[in-house]
Amino acid sequence: MSEKSLPTNRWDEDLALILAAAVAAGDTALGYFRRTVDVRWKNEGRSPVSEADLAANDILKARLLGARPDYGWLSEETDDDETRLSRDTVFVVDPIDGTRAFIAGKELWCISVAIVHRGLPAAGVLYAPALGELFEATHDGEARMNGEPIAVREPAPNEKLQVAVAEDLSRKLISPYRESIARVPHVPSLAYRLAMIADGRIDGTIIKRNSHDWDLAAADLILARAGGTLCGLDGMPLSYNRPIVSHGFLSAASGAALPALLAASRPLAH
């Protein structure tokens, strides 16, 4: 991420805005949690959306665009409007990342809100209300969880890396790197999984194809400010608010773990 591409002012105010909006949306969603909610399916039946997702989305859109009407808008739960491509600054939102977990009554879901400026995250918030965890960062500030600084874990020499990776992908990883990895059980929210790297609970993850800007942008920034990296399998950083908002295979890890994880993942790049 090139900080030279981002202005060094104004993001603290924007962070306060998105933090308050994320908390309001998350607390509203929490009111639906572990209750019977209406659910419909989109993307040819592959993705659920609940009435809690839509309620959270409404709150975020009203608060954020009400305060910054000149910003663009990209949300998983709003039909895409390509006018966002003409805006330098865009809200990138997932009202509930981990909807399947939410519907199942599991706590691993969060509200993800980022401000992207000229393709790069400038401010980001993840709020996991069922866990009481609030992550935040700006592009030139610390990553924090519940107000306290966080940092990635640096594994000891010869220590196995704690990596969240699907079982089918783990079988494709190259030896001997594969033997240096201890597979972490599935984490249903991708954004929260990246936050777990940022605060040192796990060392890395390999992300399947077809993640989206709204899954990644806020967590990408939080992870970067905590000392980690999210990138393609070629090691290149991500760019957001493009015409196509989906991504290919990705890897994320602490600085110490990333080279081994990228080397292990080479077969997935073909």
Protein backbone atom coordinates (compact mmCIF):
# COMPACT_ATOMS: atom_id res chain seq x y z
CA MET A 1 0.00 0.00 0.00
CA SER A 2 1.53 3.35 -1.00
CA GLU A 3 0.90 5.91 1.71
CA LYS A 4 2.14 8.61 -0.69
CA SER A 5 -1.09 8.09 -2.62
CA LEU A 6 -3.19 9.03 0.40
CA PRO A 7 -3.56 12.46 1.98
CA THR A 8 -2.49 12.60 5.60
CA ASN A 9 -5.43 14.61 6.90
CA ARG A 10 -9.18 14.13 7.38
CA TRP A 11 -9.19 10.37 7.98
CA ASP A 12 -9.48 10.63 11.78
CA GLU A 13 -12.85 12.38 11.36
CA ASP A 14 -13.93 9.80 8.80
CA LEU A 15 -12.84 7.00 11.11
CA ALA A 16 -15.03 8.42 13.89
CA LEU A 17 -17.93 8.55 11.44
CA ILE A 18 -17.64 4.97 10.23
CA LEU A 19 -16.96 3.67 13.74
CA ALA A 20 -20.18 5.19 15.10
CA ALA A 21 -22.14 3.93 12.10
CA ALA A 22 -20.70 0.41 12.40
CA VAL A 23 -21.59 0.25 16.08
CA ALA A 24 -25.14 1.44 15.40
CA ALA A 25 -25.56 -1.11 12.59
CA GLY A 26 -23.98 -3.91 14.61
CA ASP A 27 -26.09 -3.28 17.67
CA THR A 28 -29.19 -3.32 15.47
CA ALA A 29 -28.11 -6.62 13.91
CA LEU A 30 -27.45 -8.01 17.39
CA GLY A 31 -31.14 -7.46 18.16
CA TYR A 32 -31.96 -10.06 15.46
CA PHE A 33 -29.25 -12.51 16.54
CA ARG A 34 -30.37 -15.98 17.64
CA ARG A 35 -33.95 -15.13 16.78
CA THR A 36 -36.05 -16.31 13.86
CA VAL A 37 -35.25 -14.02 10.94
CA ASP A 38 -36.45 -13.87 7.36
CA VAL A 39 -33.80 -15.16 4.96
CA ARG A 40 -33.72 -15.09 1.19
CA TRP A 41 -31.12 -16.36 -1.25
CA LYS A 42 -29.25 -14.47 -3.95
CA ASN A 43 -26.58 -15.31 -6.54
CA GLU A 44 -28.57 -18.30 -7.81
CA GLY A 45 -29.12 -19.62 -4.31
CA ARG A 46 -25.49 -19.53 -3.20
CA SER A 47 -25.59 -16.60 -0.77
CA PRO A 48 -28.08 -15.94 2.04
CA VAL A 49 -29.20 -12.48 3.07
CA SER A 50 -31.25 -11.93 6.22
CA GLU A 51 -33.47 -9.10 7.34
CA ALA A 52 -30.67 -8.21 9.77
CA ASP A 53 -28.26 -7.66 6.84
CA LEU A 54 -30.74 -5.32 5.20
CA ALA A 55 -31.49 -3.42 8.41
CA ALA A 56 -27.77 -2.93 9.06
CA ASN A 57 -27.23 -1.84 5.46
CA ASP A 58 -29.99 0.76 5.72
CA ILE A 59 -28.44 2.26 8.85
CA LEU A 60 -24.97 2.39 7.32
CA LYS A 61 -26.14 3.93 4.07
CA ALA A 62 -28.27 6.58 5.76
CA ARG A 63 -25.60 7.60 8.26
CA LEU A 64 -22.60 7.47 5.98
CA LEU A 65 -23.98 9.02 2.80
CA GLY A 66 -25.98 11.45 4.89
CA ALA A 67 -22.69 12.74 6.33
CA ARG A 68 -20.60 12.40 3.13
CA PRO A 69 -22.96 12.69 0.15
CA ASP A 70 -20.03 13.24 -2.23
CA TYR A 71 -18.54 9.81 -1.46
CA GLY A 72 -19.33 6.77 -3.56
CA TRP A 73 -21.04 3.65 -2.22
CA LEU A 74 -20.25 -0.06 -2.61
CA SER A 75 -22.10 -2.56 -0.44
CA GLU A 76 -22.78 -6.26 -0.69
CA GLU A 77 -26.46 -5.57 -0.04
CA THR A 78 -27.00 -2.68 -2.47
CA ASP A 79 -27.27 -2.97 -6.24
CA ASP A 80 -23.98 -1.75 -7.67
CA ASP A 81 -24.05 1.79 -9.02
CA GLU A 82 -21.12 2.43 -11.33
CA THR A 83 -21.10 6.12 -10.48
CA ARG A 84 -18.82 5.02 -7.63
CA LEU A 85 -16.06 4.64 -10.24
CA SER A 86 -16.10 8.40 -10.81
CA ARG A 87 -15.61 9.15 -7.08
CA ASP A 88 -12.16 9.51 -5.52
CA THR A 89 -13.49 8.33 -2.16
CA VAL A 90 -15.91 5.46 -1.61
CA PHE A 91 -17.56 3.70 1.33
CA VAL A 92 -17.03 -0.07 1.00
CA VAL A 93 -19.41 -1.95 3.25
CA ASP A 94 -20.44 -5.44 4.26
CA PRO A 95 -23.39 -5.02 6.65
CA ILE A 96 -22.84 -8.54 8.06
CA ASP A 97 -19.73 -10.44 7.04
CA GLY A 98 -20.44 -14.03 7.99
CA THR A 99 -24.19 -14.12 7.36
CA ARG A 100 -24.26 -17.92 7.42
CA ALA A 101 -22.70 -17.90 10.90
CA PHE A 102 -25.17 -15.21 12.00
CA ILE A 103 -28.13 -17.28 10.81
CA ALA A 104 -26.73 -20.37 12.54
CA GLY A 105 -26.38 -18.51 15.85
CA LYS A 106 -22.57 -18.51 15.81
CA GLU A 107 -20.76 -15.43 17.10
CA LEU A 108 -18.11 -15.13 14.35
CA TRP A 109 -19.68 -12.37 12.25
CA CYS A 110 -18.93 -8.69 11.99
CA ILE A 111 -19.83 -5.37 10.42
CA SER A 112 -17.15 -4.27 7.94
CA VAL A 113 -16.86 -0.63 6.88
CA ALA A 114 -13.98 0.92 4.94
CA ILE A 115 -13.29 4.23 3.29
CA VAL A 116 -11.31 3.70 0.10
CA HIS A 117 -9.52 6.65 -1.49
CA ARG A 118 -8.22 6.27 -5.04
CA GLY A 119 -8.16 2.51 -4.72
CA LEU A 120 -6.52 2.28 -1.29
CA PRO A 121 -8.14 1.83 2.14
CA ALA A 122 -7.79 5.02 4.17
CA ALA A 123 -9.90 4.09 7.23
CA GLY A 124 -11.47 0.84 8.34
CA VAL A 125 -13.64 -0.61 11.10
CA LEU A 126 -14.68 -4.16 11.94
CA TYR A 127 -17.28 -4.56 14.68
CA ALA A 128 -18.13 -8.00 16.06
CA PRO A 129 -20.97 -7.17 18.47
CA ALA A 130 -21.65 -10.73 19.63
CA LEU A 131 -18.01 -10.90 20.77
CA GLY A 132 -17.74 -7.33 22.01
CA GLU A 133 -14.79 -6.61 19.72
CA LEU A 134 -14.19 -3.40 17.76
CA PHE A 135 -11.20 -3.13 15.40
CA GLU A 136 -10.14 0.14 13.78
CA ALA A 137 -7.32 1.75 11.81
CA THR A 138 -6.42 4.64 9.55
CA HIS A 139 -3.73 4.38 6.89
CA ASP A 140 -1.21 6.32 9.00
CA GLY A 141 -2.28 5.23 12.49
CA GLU A 142 -2.16 2.21 14.76
CA ALA A 143 -4.43 -0.80 14.43
CA ARG A 144 -6.51 -1.11 17.56
CA MET A 145 -8.96 -3.53 19.12
CA ASN A 146 -11.23 -2.08 21.80
CA GLY A 147 -8.90 0.92 21.96
CA GLU A 148 -5.70 -1.04 22.52
CA PRO A 149 -2.91 -1.41 19.91
CA ILE A 150 -2.65 -4.82 18.25
CA ALA A 151 0.12 -6.48 16.27
CA VAL A 152 0.68 -9.67 14.32
CA ARG A 153 2.41 -12.59 15.99
CA GLU A 154 5.98 -13.41 15.03
CA PRO A 155 6.36 -17.21 15.11
CA ALA A 156 9.40 -18.71 16.78
CA PRO A 157 11.92 -20.56 14.56
CA ASN A 158 10.68 -24.03 13.58
CA GLU A 159 7.27 -23.33 15.11
CA LYS A 160 4.31 -24.48 13.02
CA LEU A 161 2.31 -21.67 11.49
CA GLN A 162 -1.33 -21.44 12.54
CA VAL A 163 -3.05 -20.99 9.18
CA ALA A 164 -6.75 -20.85 8.33
CA VAL A 165 -7.07 -22.76 5.06
CA ALA A 166 -9.81 -24.94 3.61
CA GLU A 167 -9.03 -28.63 3.79
CA ASP A 168 -9.23 -29.09 0.02
CA LEU A 169 -6.69 -26.30 -0.50
CA SER A 170 -4.37 -27.55 2.23
CA ARG A 171 -3.90 -30.82 0.33
CA LYS A 172 -2.61 -28.85 -2.68
CA LEU A 173 0.12 -26.97 -0.82
CA ILE A 174 3.73 -27.73 -1.66
CA SER A 175 5.90 -29.81 0.65
CA PRO A 176 7.89 -29.15 2.79
CA TYR A 177 5.94 -25.97 3.45
CA ARG A 178 2.74 -27.95 3.97
CA GLU A 179 4.34 -29.75 6.91
CA SER A 180 5.16 -26.40 8.54
CA ILE A 181 1.47 -25.47 8.75
CA ALA A 182 -1.08 -26.35 11.42
CA ARG A 183 -4.55 -25.92 9.92
CA VAL A 184 -6.93 -23.70 11.88
CA PRO A 185 -10.63 -24.71 11.88
CA HIS A 186 -12.93 -22.81 9.54
CA VAL A 187 -13.60 -19.15 10.43
CA PRO A 188 -16.87 -18.21 8.69
CA SER A 189 -16.26 -14.45 8.44
CA LEU A 190 -13.39 -13.61 6.12
CA ALA A 191 -13.01 -10.11 7.53
CA TYR A 192 -12.86 -11.49 11.07
CA ARG A 193 -10.33 -14.11 9.99
CA LEU A 194 -8.02 -11.32 8.81
CA ALA A 195 -8.56 -9.54 12.13
CA MET A 196 -7.41 -12.72 13.89
CA ILE A 197 -4.09 -12.42 12.03
CA ALA A 198 -3.89 -8.73 12.93
CA ASP A 199 -4.22 -9.39 16.66
CA GLY A 200 -1.90 -12.40 16.66
CA ARG A 201 -4.32 -15.26 17.26
CA ILE A 202 -3.36 -16.96 14.00
CA ASP A 203 -0.45 -16.50 11.60
CA GLY A 204 -2.10 -16.49 8.20
CA THR A 205 -4.81 -17.59 5.81
CA ILE A 206 -5.28 -18.62 2.20
CA ILE A 207 -8.41 -17.17 0.64
CA LYS A 208 -10.34 -18.90 -2.12
CA ARG A 209 -11.34 -17.18 -5.32
CA ASN A 210 -14.32 -14.82 -5.42
CA SER A 211 -13.86 -12.77 -2.27
CA HIS A 212 -15.03 -9.19 -2.76
CA ASP A 213 -13.97 -5.67 -1.91
CA TRP A 214 -16.52 -5.50 0.90
CA ASP A 215 -15.08 -8.62 2.55
CA LEU A 216 -11.54 -7.28 2.46
CA ALA A 217 -11.01 -3.52 2.40
CA ALA A 218 -11.42 -2.69 6.11
CA ALA A 219 -9.61 -5.82 7.28
CA ASP A 220 -6.80 -5.26 4.77
CA LEU A 221 -6.03 -1.89 6.33
CA ILE A 222 -6.29 -3.15 9.92
CA LEU A 223 -3.96 -6.04 9.10
CA ALA A 224 -1.46 -3.77 7.35
CA ARG A 225 -1.31 -1.35 10.29
CA ALA A 226 -0.81 -4.33 12.63
CA GLY A 227 2.26 -5.43 10.65
CA GLY A 228 0.75 -7.99 8.27
CA THR A 229 0.05 -8.21 4.56
CA LEU A 230 -2.87 -9.21 2.36
CA CYS A 231 -1.88 -9.85 -1.25
CA GLY A 232 -2.38 -11.94 -4.34
CA LEU A 233 -0.40 -15.15 -4.70
CA ASP A 234 2.04 -13.10 -6.79
CA GLY A 235 2.73 -10.95 -3.73
CA MET A 236 1.03 -7.89 -5.23
CA PRO A 237 -1.21 -5.69 -3.06
CA LEU A 238 -4.91 -5.28 -3.78
CA SER A 239 -6.65 -2.32 -5.34
CA TYR A 240 -10.27 -1.49 -4.56
CA ASN A 241 -13.23 0.22 -6.23
CA ARG A 242 -12.50 -1.21 -9.67
CA PRO A 243 -15.19 -2.18 -12.18
CA ILE A 244 -14.78 -5.81 -11.08
CA VAL A 245 -14.86 -6.10 -7.29
CA SER A 246 -14.10 -9.82 -6.95
CA HIS A 247 -10.60 -11.23 -6.43
CA GLY A 248 -8.66 -14.41 -7.17
CA PHE A 249 -6.76 -16.57 -4.70
CA LEU A 250 -5.22 -14.43 -1.94
CA SER A 251 -2.88 -14.90 0.97
CA ALA A 252 -2.59 -12.98 4.22
CA ALA A 253 -0.03 -13.34 6.99
CA SER A 254 2.42 -11.69 9.30
CA GLY A 255 5.62 -10.54 7.67
CA ALA A 256 7.55 -13.53 8.97
CA ALA A 257 4.99 -16.08 7.79
CA LEU A 258 4.12 -14.62 4.39
CA PRO A 259 7.07 -15.91 2.28
CA ALA A 260 6.48 -19.52 3.33
CA LEU A 261 2.75 -19.21 2.79
CA LEU A 262 3.20 -17.77 -0.70
CA ALA A 263 5.71 -20.49 -1.58
CA ALA A 264 3.36 -23.19 -0.33
CA SER A 265 0.51 -21.71 -2.38
CA ARG A 266 2.25 -21.73 -5.79
CA PRO A 267 0.10 -24.58 -7.22
CA LEU A 268 -3.04 -22.52 -6.61
CA ALA A 269 -1.81 -19.75 -8.89
CA HIS A 270 -2.15 -21.95 -12.00
